[in-house]
Amino acid sequence: MALTPEQIAADEAIEAAIEQARIAYGEDDPDSGKIITAWYVVAKASYFDDDQDLVAWSFFKRSTMDIGDSQGILRVATIREDGITNSVIYGDED
């Protein structure tokens, strides 16, 4: 299923917000060359009645990752209080 222009614009806005938050919270120098290659966003919506009592909630998920990567990033986020981790992978040089 192709994305609508509104969905494409929303995804671009999410990516820009993630990048802005990453830089604002000092996760990395913006000139380091590191780029975001995938992202996973979860939001909770709460619904209240006229008396301001919580009557329902729902979660919204949007991701550019496959299920395996999504599970991995959520596991890392749950073990790191700040939700930030860095990993360097060294490959074999030929």
PDB file of N, CA and C in Angstrom:
ATOM      1  N   MET A   1       0.837  -1.172   0.000  1.00  0.00           N
ATOM      2  CA  MET A   1       0.000   0.000   0.000  1.00  0.00           C
ATOM      3  C   MET A   1       0.888   1.244   0.000  1.00  0.00           C
ATOM      4  N   ALA A   2       0.655   2.124  -0.935  1.00  0.00           N
ATOM      5  CA  ALA A   2       1.430   3.352  -1.039  1.00  0.00           C
ATOM      6  C   ALA A   2       0.987   4.350   0.031  1.00  0.00           C
ATOM      7  N   LEU A   3       1.953   5.108   0.530  1.00  0.00           N
ATOM      8  CA  LEU A   3       1.644   6.135   1.521  1.00  0.00           C
ATOM      9  C   LEU A   3       0.997   7.342   0.852  1.00  0.00           C
ATOM     10  N   THR A   4       0.107   7.988   1.577  1.00  0.00           N
ATOM     11  CA  THR A   4      -0.508   9.211   1.076  1.00  0.00           C
ATOM     12  C   THR A   4       0.477  10.362   1.256  1.00  0.00           C
ATOM     13  N   PRO A   5       0.270  11.470   0.543  1.00  0.00           N
ATOM     14  CA  PRO A   5       1.137  12.629   0.757  1.00  0.00           C
ATOM     15  C   PRO A   5       1.135  13.099   2.221  1.00  0.00           C
ATOM     16  N   GLU A   6      -0.007  12.989   2.894  1.00  0.00           N
ATOM     17  CA  GLU A   6      -0.096  13.376   4.307  1.00  0.00           C
ATOM     18  C   GLU A   6       0.743  12.459   5.183  1.00  0.00           C
ATOM     19  N   GLN A   7       0.737  11.159   4.883  1.00  0.00           N
ATOM     20  CA  GLN A   7       1.541  10.209   5.642  1.00  0.00           C
ATOM     21  C   GLN A   7       3.036  10.431   5.401  1.00  0.00           C
ATOM     22  N   ILE A   8       3.398  10.714   4.176  1.00  0.00           N
ATOM     23  CA  ILE A   8       4.806  11.002   3.877  1.00  0.00           C
ATOM     24  C   ILE A   8       5.261  12.248   4.633  1.00  0.00           C
ATOM     25  N   ALA A   9       4.450  13.306   4.616  1.00  0.00           N
ATOM     26  CA  ALA A   9       4.793  14.539   5.339  1.00  0.00           C
ATOM     27  C   ALA A   9       4.886  14.288   6.842  1.00  0.00           C
ATOM     28  N   ALA A  10       3.995  13.464   7.378  1.00  0.00           N
ATOM     29  CA  ALA A  10       4.022  13.148   8.808  1.00  0.00           C
ATOM     30  C   ALA A  10       5.289  12.378   9.170  1.00  0.00           C
ATOM     31  N   ASP A  11       5.668  11.404   8.351  1.00  0.00           N
ATOM     32  CA  ASP A  11       6.899  10.646   8.606  1.00  0.00           C
ATOM     33  C   ASP A  11       8.123  11.544   8.532  1.00  0.00           C
ATOM     34  N   GLU A  12       8.153  12.465   7.573  1.00  0.00           N
ATOM     35  CA  GLU A  12       9.275  13.405   7.474  1.00  0.00           C
ATOM     36  C   GLU A  12       9.342  14.302   8.708  1.00  0.00           C
ATOM     37  N   ALA A  13       8.180  14.721   9.221  1.00  0.00           N
ATOM     38  CA  ALA A  13       8.143  15.543  10.437  1.00  0.00           C
ATOM     39  C   ALA A  13       8.635  14.755  11.646  1.00  0.00           C
ATOM     40  N   ILE A  14       8.269  13.466  11.738  1.00  0.00           N
ATOM     41  CA  ILE A  14       8.756  12.618  12.822  1.00  0.00           C
ATOM     42  C   ILE A  14      10.277  12.518  12.758  1.00  0.00           C
ATOM     43  N   GLU A  15      10.807  12.254  11.571  1.00  0.00           N
ATOM     44  CA  GLU A  15      12.257  12.134  11.423  1.00  0.00           C
ATOM     45  C   GLU A  15      12.972  13.427  11.818  1.00  0.00           C
ATOM     46  N   ALA A  16      12.424  14.571  11.424  1.00  0.00           N
ATOM     47  CA  ALA A  16      13.033  15.854  11.791  1.00  0.00           C
ATOM     48  C   ALA A  16      12.979  16.075  13.301  1.00  0.00           C
ATOM     49  N   ALA A  17      11.876  15.701  13.927  1.00  0.00           N
ATOM     50  CA  ALA A  17      11.748  15.853  15.378  1.00  0.00           C
ATOM     51  C   ALA A  17      12.715  14.940  16.122  1.00  0.00           C
ATOM     52  N   ILE A  18      12.887  13.723  15.637  1.00  0.00           N
ATOM     53  CA  ILE A  18      13.838  12.794  16.264  1.00  0.00           C
ATOM     54  C   ILE A  18      15.246  13.364  16.174  1.00  0.00           C
ATOM     55  N   GLU A  19      15.613  13.869  15.015  1.00  0.00           N
ATOM     56  CA  GLU A  19      16.945  14.453  14.831  1.00  0.00           C
ATOM     57  C   GLU A  19      17.135  15.667  15.743  1.00  0.00           C
ATOM     58  N   GLN A  20      16.124  16.515  15.833  1.00  0.00           N
ATOM     59  CA  GLN A  20      16.200  17.694  16.696  1.00  0.00           C
ATOM     60  C   GLN A  20      16.361  17.289  18.158  1.00  0.00           C
ATOM     61  N   ALA A  21      15.612  16.299  18.613  1.00  0.00           N
ATOM     62  CA  ALA A  21      15.717  15.827  19.999  1.00  0.00           C
ATOM     63  C   ALA A  21      17.077  15.191  20.249  1.00  0.00           C
ATOM     64  N   ARG A  22      17.570  14.418  19.292  1.00  0.00           N
ATOM     65  CA  ARG A  22      18.876  13.771  19.438  1.00  0.00           C
ATOM     66  C   ARG A  22      19.968  14.813  19.662  1.00  0.00           C
ATOM     67  N   ILE A  23      19.949  15.870  18.883  1.00  0.00           N
ATOM     68  CA  ILE A  23      20.954  16.927  19.008  1.00  0.00           C
ATOM     69  C   ILE A  23      20.733  17.724  20.288  1.00  0.00           C
ATOM     70  N   ALA A  24      19.482  18.078  20.591  1.00  0.00           N
ATOM     71  CA  ALA A  24      19.173  18.892  21.776  1.00  0.00           C
ATOM     72  C   ALA A  24      19.578  18.206  23.069  1.00  0.00           C
ATOM     73  N   TYR A  25      19.446  16.889  23.129  1.00  0.00           N
ATOM     74  CA  TYR A  25      19.798  16.158  24.335  1.00  0.00           C
ATOM     75  C   TYR A  25      21.260  15.710  24.342  1.00  0.00           C
ATOM     76  N   GLY A  26      22.043  16.193  23.385  1.00  0.00           N
ATOM     77  CA  GLY A  26      23.477  15.953  23.389  1.00  0.00           C
ATOM     78  C   GLY A  26      23.884  14.544  23.071  1.00  0.00           C
ATOM     79  N   GLU A  27      23.036  13.805  22.364  1.00  0.00           N
ATOM     80  CA  GLU A  27      23.373  12.417  22.044  1.00  0.00           C
ATOM     81  C   GLU A  27      24.557  12.348  21.087  1.00  0.00           C
ATOM     82  N   ASP A  28      24.705  13.392  20.261  1.00  0.00           N
ATOM     83  CA  ASP A  28      25.796  13.344  19.301  1.00  0.00           C
ATOM     84  C   ASP A  28      26.037  14.729  18.719  1.00  0.00           C
ATOM     85  N   ASP A  29      27.250  14.959  18.275  1.00  0.00           N
ATOM     86  CA  ASP A  29      27.601  16.178  17.565  1.00  0.00           C
ATOM     87  C   ASP A  29      26.944  16.125  16.190  1.00  0.00           C
ATOM     88  N   PRO A  30      26.177  17.172  15.815  1.00  0.00           N
ATOM     89  CA  PRO A  30      25.481  17.122  14.527  1.00  0.00           C
ATOM     90  C   PRO A  30      26.420  17.054  13.324  1.00  0.00           C
ATOM     91  N   ASP A  31      27.689  17.407  13.510  1.00  0.00           N
ATOM     92  CA  ASP A  31      28.652  17.368  12.411  1.00  0.00           C
ATOM     93  C   ASP A  31      29.473  16.081  12.394  1.00  0.00           C
ATOM     94  N   SER A  32      29.073  15.084  13.186  1.00  0.00           N
ATOM     95  CA  SER A  32      29.850  13.847  13.293  1.00  0.00           C
ATOM     96  C   SER A  32      29.705  12.935  12.083  1.00  0.00           C
ATOM     97  N   GLY A  33      28.689  13.171  11.294  1.00  0.00           N
ATOM     98  CA  GLY A  33      28.438  12.285  10.160  1.00  0.00           C
ATOM     99  C   GLY A  33      27.485  11.150  10.488  1.00  0.00           C
ATOM    100  N   LYS A  34      27.120  11.011  11.761  1.00  0.00           N
ATOM    101  CA  LYS A  34      26.171   9.963  12.141  1.00  0.00           C
ATOM    102  C   LYS A  34      24.775  10.381  11.687  1.00  0.00           C
ATOM    103  N   ILE A  35      24.074   9.468  11.055  1.00  0.00           N
ATOM    104  CA  ILE A  35      22.718   9.765  10.596  1.00  0.00           C
ATOM    105  C   ILE A  35      21.753   8.728  11.155  1.00  0.00           C
ATOM    106  N   ILE A  36      20.538   9.116  11.312  1.00  0.00           N
ATOM    107  CA  ILE A  36      19.498   8.194  11.752  1.00  0.00           C
ATOM    108  C   ILE A  36      19.100   7.346  10.549  1.00  0.00           C
ATOM    109  N   THR A  37      19.194   6.043  10.693  1.00  0.00           N
ATOM    110  CA  THR A  37      18.859   5.147   9.593  1.00  0.00           C
ATOM    111  C   THR A  37      17.531   4.421   9.799  1.00  0.00           C
ATOM    112  N   ALA A  38      17.017   4.459  11.011  1.00  0.00           N
ATOM    113  CA  ALA A  38      15.726   3.844  11.294  1.00  0.00           C
ATOM    114  C   ALA A  38      15.190   4.473  12.571  1.00  0.00           C
ATOM    115  N   TRP A  39      13.889   4.421  12.738  1.00  0.00           N
ATOM    116  CA  TRP A  39      13.299   4.973  13.954  1.00  0.00           C
ATOM    117  C   TRP A  39      12.045   4.204  14.338  1.00  0.00           C
ATOM    118  N   TYR A  40      11.701   4.361  15.612  1.00  0.00           N
ATOM    119  CA  TYR A  40      10.537   3.682  16.181  1.00  0.00           C
ATOM    120  C   TYR A  40       9.899   4.653  17.168  1.00  0.00           C
ATOM    121  N   VAL A  41       8.645   4.973  16.979  1.00  0.00           N
ATOM    122  CA  VAL A  41       7.938   5.923  17.835  1.00  0.00           C
ATOM    123  C   VAL A  41       6.690   5.244  18.391  1.00  0.00           C
ATOM    124  N   VAL A  42       6.497   5.375  19.694  1.00  0.00           N
ATOM    125  CA  VAL A  42       5.286   4.883  20.336  1.00  0.00           C
ATOM    126  C   VAL A  42       4.691   6.042  21.124  1.00  0.00           C
ATOM    127  N   ALA A  43       3.414   6.279  20.961  1.00  0.00           N
ATOM    128  CA  ALA A  43       2.732   7.333  21.701  1.00  0.00           C
ATOM    129  C   ALA A  43       1.477   6.760  22.344  1.00  0.00           C
ATOM    130  N   LYS A  44       1.147   7.272  23.511  1.00  0.00           N
ATOM    131  CA  LYS A  44      -0.065   6.850  24.208  1.00  0.00           C
ATOM    132  C   LYS A  44      -1.063   7.994  24.178  1.00  0.00           C
ATOM    133  N   ALA A  45      -2.285   7.698  23.797  1.00  0.00           N
ATOM    134  CA  ALA A  45      -3.371   8.673  23.824  1.00  0.00           C
ATOM    135  C   ALA A  45      -4.328   8.284  24.948  1.00  0.00           C
ATOM    136  N   SER A  46      -4.691   9.258  25.769  1.00  0.00           N
ATOM    137  CA  SER A  46      -5.638   9.016  26.867  1.00  0.00           C
ATOM    138  C   SER A  46      -6.930   9.758  26.573  1.00  0.00           C
ATOM    139  N   TYR A  47      -8.024   9.118  26.867  1.00  0.00           N
ATOM    140  CA  TYR A  47      -9.348   9.681  26.608  1.00  0.00           C
ATOM    141  C   TYR A  47     -10.058   9.900  27.938  1.00  0.00           C
ATOM    142  N   PHE A  48     -10.591  11.099  28.121  1.00  0.00           N
ATOM    143  CA  PHE A  48     -11.240  11.470  29.376  1.00  0.00           C
ATOM    144  C   PHE A  48     -12.690  11.845  29.119  1.00  0.00           C
ATOM    145  N   ASP A  49     -13.545  11.575  30.108  1.00  0.00           N
ATOM    146  CA  ASP A  49     -14.944  11.970  29.991  1.00  0.00           C
ATOM    147  C   ASP A  49     -15.109  13.411  30.495  1.00  0.00           C
ATOM    148  N   ASP A  50     -16.351  13.878  30.568  1.00  0.00           N
ATOM    149  CA  ASP A  50     -16.620  15.259  30.984  1.00  0.00           C
ATOM    150  C   ASP A  50     -16.184  15.543  32.415  1.00  0.00           C
ATOM    151  N   ASP A  51     -16.087  14.501  33.257  1.00  0.00           N
ATOM    152  CA  ASP A  51     -15.633  14.666  34.639  1.00  0.00           C
ATOM    153  C   ASP A  51     -14.120  14.526  34.765  1.00  0.00           C
ATOM    154  N   GLN A  52     -13.439  14.467  33.645  1.00  0.00           N
ATOM    155  CA  GLN A  52     -11.985  14.308  33.576  1.00  0.00           C
ATOM    156  C   GLN A  52     -11.507  12.962  34.128  1.00  0.00           C
ATOM    157  N   ASP A  53     -12.383  11.974  34.103  1.00  0.00           N
ATOM    158  CA  ASP A  53     -11.998  10.622  34.483  1.00  0.00           C
ATOM    159  C   ASP A  53     -11.474   9.902  33.242  1.00  0.00           C
ATOM    160  N   LEU A  54     -10.396   9.163  33.430  1.00  0.00           N
ATOM    161  CA  LEU A  54      -9.836   8.389  32.333  1.00  0.00           C
ATOM    162  C   LEU A  54     -10.810   7.289  31.957  1.00  0.00           C
ATOM    163  N   VAL A  55     -11.178   7.236  30.703  1.00  0.00           N
ATOM    164  CA  VAL A  55     -12.124   6.213  30.270  1.00  0.00           C
ATOM    165  C   VAL A  55     -11.507   5.216  29.296  1.00  0.00           C
ATOM    166  N   ALA A  56     -10.405   5.586  28.663  1.00  0.00           N
ATOM    167  CA  ALA A  56      -9.769   4.667  27.725  1.00  0.00           C
ATOM    168  C   ALA A  56      -8.393   5.208  27.356  1.00  0.00           C
ATOM    169  N   TRP A  57      -7.579   4.321  26.822  1.00  0.00           N
ATOM    170  CA  TRP A  57      -6.290   4.742  26.281  1.00  0.00           C
ATOM    171  C   TRP A  57      -5.959   3.852  25.098  1.00  0.00           C
ATOM    172  N   SER A  58      -5.089   4.343  24.252  1.00  0.00           N
ATOM    173  CA  SER A  58      -4.647   3.553  23.108  1.00  0.00           C
ATOM    174  C   SER A  58      -3.204   3.914  22.804  1.00  0.00           C
ATOM    175  N   PHE A  59      -2.549   3.047  22.080  1.00  0.00           N
ATOM    176  CA  PHE A  59      -1.170   3.290  21.676  1.00  0.00           C
ATOM    177  C   PHE A  59      -1.102   3.417  20.161  1.00  0.00           C
ATOM    178  N   PHE A  60      -0.221   4.277  19.723  1.00  0.00           N
ATOM    179  CA  PHE A  60       0.059   4.473  18.309  1.00  0.00           C
ATOM    180  C   PHE A  60       1.512   4.109  18.075  1.00  0.00           C
ATOM    181  N   LYS A  61       1.777   3.308  17.066  1.00  0.00           N
ATOM    182  CA  LYS A  61       3.142   2.905  16.733  1.00  0.00           C
ATOM    183  C   LYS A  61       3.417   3.239  15.279  1.00  0.00           C
ATOM    184  N   ARG A  62       4.598   3.795  15.057  1.00  0.00           N
ATOM    185  CA  ARG A  62       5.054   4.041  13.689  1.00  0.00           C
ATOM    186  C   ARG A  62       6.537   3.735  13.652  1.00  0.00           C
ATOM    187  N   SER A  63       6.974   3.047  12.626  1.00  0.00           N
ATOM    188  CA  SER A  63       8.359   2.615  12.589  1.00  0.00           C
ATOM    189  C   SER A  63       8.838   2.448  11.156  1.00  0.00           C
ATOM    190  N   THR A  64      10.148   2.590  10.977  1.00  0.00           N
ATOM    191  CA  THR A  64      10.762   2.268   9.693  1.00  0.00           C
ATOM    192  C   THR A  64      11.548   0.965   9.796  1.00  0.00           C
ATOM    193  N   MET A  65      11.364   0.244  10.897  1.00  0.00           N
ATOM    194  CA  MET A  65      12.129  -0.980  11.147  1.00  0.00           C
ATOM    195  C   MET A  65      11.290  -2.229  10.942  1.00  0.00           C
ATOM    196  N   ASP A  66      12.003  -3.335  10.687  1.00  0.00           N
ATOM    197  CA  ASP A  66      11.306  -4.613  10.666  1.00  0.00           C
ATOM    198  C   ASP A  66      11.079  -5.055  12.117  1.00  0.00           C
ATOM    199  N   ILE A  67      10.315  -6.093  12.315  1.00  0.00           N
ATOM    200  CA  ILE A  67       9.911  -6.508  13.661  1.00  0.00           C
ATOM    201  C   ILE A  67      11.104  -6.896  14.532  1.00  0.00           C
ATOM    202  N   GLY A  68      12.105  -7.552  13.963  1.00  0.00           N
ATOM    203  CA  GLY A  68      13.267  -7.953  14.756  1.00  0.00           C
ATOM    204  C   GLY A  68      14.042  -6.758  15.286  1.00  0.00           C
ATOM    205  N   ASP A  69      14.287  -5.754  14.432  1.00  0.00           N
ATOM    206  CA  ASP A  69      14.976  -4.555  14.882  1.00  0.00           C
ATOM    207  C   ASP A  69      14.128  -3.785  15.895  1.00  0.00           C
ATOM    208  N   SER A  70      12.822  -3.747  15.668  1.00  0.00           N
ATOM    209  CA  SER A  70      11.931  -3.063  16.610  1.00  0.00           C
ATOM    210  C   SER A  70      12.019  -3.688  17.996  1.00  0.00           C
ATOM    211  N   GLN A  71      11.997  -5.007  18.057  1.00  0.00           N
ATOM    212  CA  GLN A  71      12.098  -5.689  19.344  1.00  0.00           C
ATOM    213  C   GLN A  71      13.434  -5.390  20.011  1.00  0.00           C
ATOM    214  N   GLY A  72      14.498  -5.370  19.227  1.00  0.00           N
ATOM    215  CA  GLY A  72      15.824  -5.081  19.775  1.00  0.00           C
ATOM    216  C   GLY A  72      15.917  -3.680  20.345  1.00  0.00           C
ATOM    217  N   ILE A  73      15.428  -2.692  19.630  1.00  0.00           N
ATOM    218  CA  ILE A  73      15.527  -1.320  20.112  1.00  0.00           C
ATOM    219  C   ILE A  73      14.671  -1.112  21.362  1.00  0.00           C
ATOM    220  N   LEU A  74      13.528  -1.764  21.425  1.00  0.00           N
ATOM    221  CA  LEU A  74      12.692  -1.649  22.625  1.00  0.00           C
ATOM    222  C   LEU A  74      13.352  -2.314  23.823  1.00  0.00           C
ATOM    223  N   ARG A  75      14.031  -3.424  23.619  1.00  0.00           N
ATOM    224  CA  ARG A  75      14.757  -4.076  24.720  1.00  0.00           C
ATOM    225  C   ARG A  75      15.860  -3.170  25.242  1.00  0.00           C
ATOM    226  N   VAL A  76      16.623  -2.570  24.339  1.00  0.00           N
ATOM    227  CA  VAL A  76      17.701  -1.668  24.749  1.00  0.00           C
ATOM    228  C   VAL A  76      17.126  -0.486  25.524  1.00  0.00           C
ATOM    229  N   ALA A  77      16.044   0.083  25.040  1.00  0.00           N
ATOM    230  CA  ALA A  77      15.442   1.239  25.697  1.00  0.00           C
ATOM    231  C   ALA A  77      14.939   0.894  27.101  1.00  0.00           C
ATOM    232  N   THR A  78      14.500  -0.340  27.316  1.00  0.00           N
ATOM    233  CA  THR A  78      13.990  -0.700  28.631  1.00  0.00           C
ATOM    234  C   THR A  78      15.103  -0.933  29.636  1.00  0.00           C
ATOM    235  N   ILE A  79      16.312  -1.236  29.172  1.00  0.00           N
ATOM    236  CA  ILE A  79      17.400  -1.460  30.125  1.00  0.00           C
ATOM    237  C   ILE A  79      18.241  -0.210  30.341  1.00  0.00           C
ATOM    238  N   ARG A  80      18.080   0.796  29.517  1.00  0.00           N
ATOM    239  CA  ARG A  80      18.790   2.051  29.674  1.00  0.00           C
ATOM    240  C   ARG A  80      17.808   3.097  30.162  1.00  0.00           C
ATOM    241  N   GLU A  81      18.038   3.672  31.321  1.00  0.00           N
ATOM    242  CA  GLU A  81      17.107   4.652  31.875  1.00  0.00           C
ATOM    243  C   GLU A  81      16.920   5.843  30.948  1.00  0.00           C
ATOM    244  N   ASP A  82      18.007   6.303  30.338  1.00  0.00           N
ATOM    245  CA  ASP A  82      17.894   7.462  29.460  1.00  0.00           C
ATOM    246  C   ASP A  82      17.479   7.082  28.036  1.00  0.00           C
ATOM    247  N   GLY A  83      17.388   5.802  27.750  1.00  0.00           N
ATOM    248  CA  GLY A  83      16.953   5.358  26.431  1.00  0.00           C
ATOM    249  C   GLY A  83      17.996   5.541  25.346  1.00  0.00           C
ATOM    250  N   ILE A  84      19.213   5.931  25.722  1.00  0.00           N
ATOM    251  CA  ILE A  84      20.250   6.184  24.725  1.00  0.00           C
ATOM    252  C   ILE A  84      21.376   5.172  24.902  1.00  0.00           C
ATOM    253  N   THR A  85      21.792   4.599  23.833  1.00  0.00           N
ATOM    254  CA  THR A  85      22.942   3.710  23.867  1.00  0.00           C
ATOM    255  C   THR A  85      23.701   3.844  22.559  1.00  0.00           C
ATOM    256  N   ASN A  86      24.946   3.558  22.597  1.00  0.00           N
ATOM    257  CA  ASN A  86      25.769   3.583  21.396  1.00  0.00           C
ATOM    258  C   ASN A  86      26.414   2.225  21.220  1.00  0.00           C
ATOM    259  N   SER A  87      26.566   1.826  20.007  1.00  0.00           N
ATOM    260  CA  SER A  87      27.222   0.565  19.714  1.00  0.00           C
ATOM    261  C   SER A  87      28.095   0.755  18.491  1.00  0.00           C
ATOM    262  N   VAL A  88      29.294   0.218  18.567  1.00  0.00           N
ATOM    263  CA  VAL A  88      30.196   0.260  17.415  1.00  0.00           C
ATOM    264  C   VAL A  88      30.433  -1.174  16.970  1.00  0.00           C
ATOM    265  N   ILE A  89      30.233  -1.426  15.727  1.00  0.00           N
ATOM    266  CA  ILE A  89      30.430  -2.756  15.181  1.00  0.00           C
ATOM    267  C   ILE A  89      31.664  -2.710  14.288  1.00  0.00           C
ATOM    268  N   TYR A  90      32.612  -3.571  14.590  1.00  0.00           N
ATOM    269  CA  TYR A  90      33.834  -3.641  13.799  1.00  0.00           C
ATOM    270  C   TYR A  90      33.761  -4.845  12.888  1.00  0.00           C
ATOM    271  N   GLY A  91      33.940  -4.610  11.610  1.00  0.00           N
ATOM    272  CA  GLY A  91      33.930  -5.701  10.652  1.00  0.00           C
ATOM    273  C   GLY A  91      35.335  -6.201  10.395  1.00  0.00           C
ATOM    274  N   ASP A  92      35.420  -7.370   9.808  1.00  0.00           N
ATOM    275  CA  ASP A  92      36.715  -7.922   9.427  1.00  0.00           C
ATOM    276  C   ASP A  92      37.231  -7.163   8.214  1.00  0.00           C
ATOM    277  N   GLU A  93      38.483  -6.766   8.285  1.00  0.00           N
ATOM    278  CA  GLU A  93      39.083  -6.089   7.141  1.00  0.00           C
ATOM    279  C   GLU A  93      39.718  -7.125   6.239  1.00  0.00           C
ATOM    280  N   ASP A  94      39.508  -6.982   4.961  1.00  0.00           N
ATOM    281  CA  ASP A  94      40.084  -7.928   3.998  1.00  0.00           C
ATOM    282  C   ASP A  94      41.498  -7.536   3.650  1.00  0.00           C
TER     283      ASP A  94
END
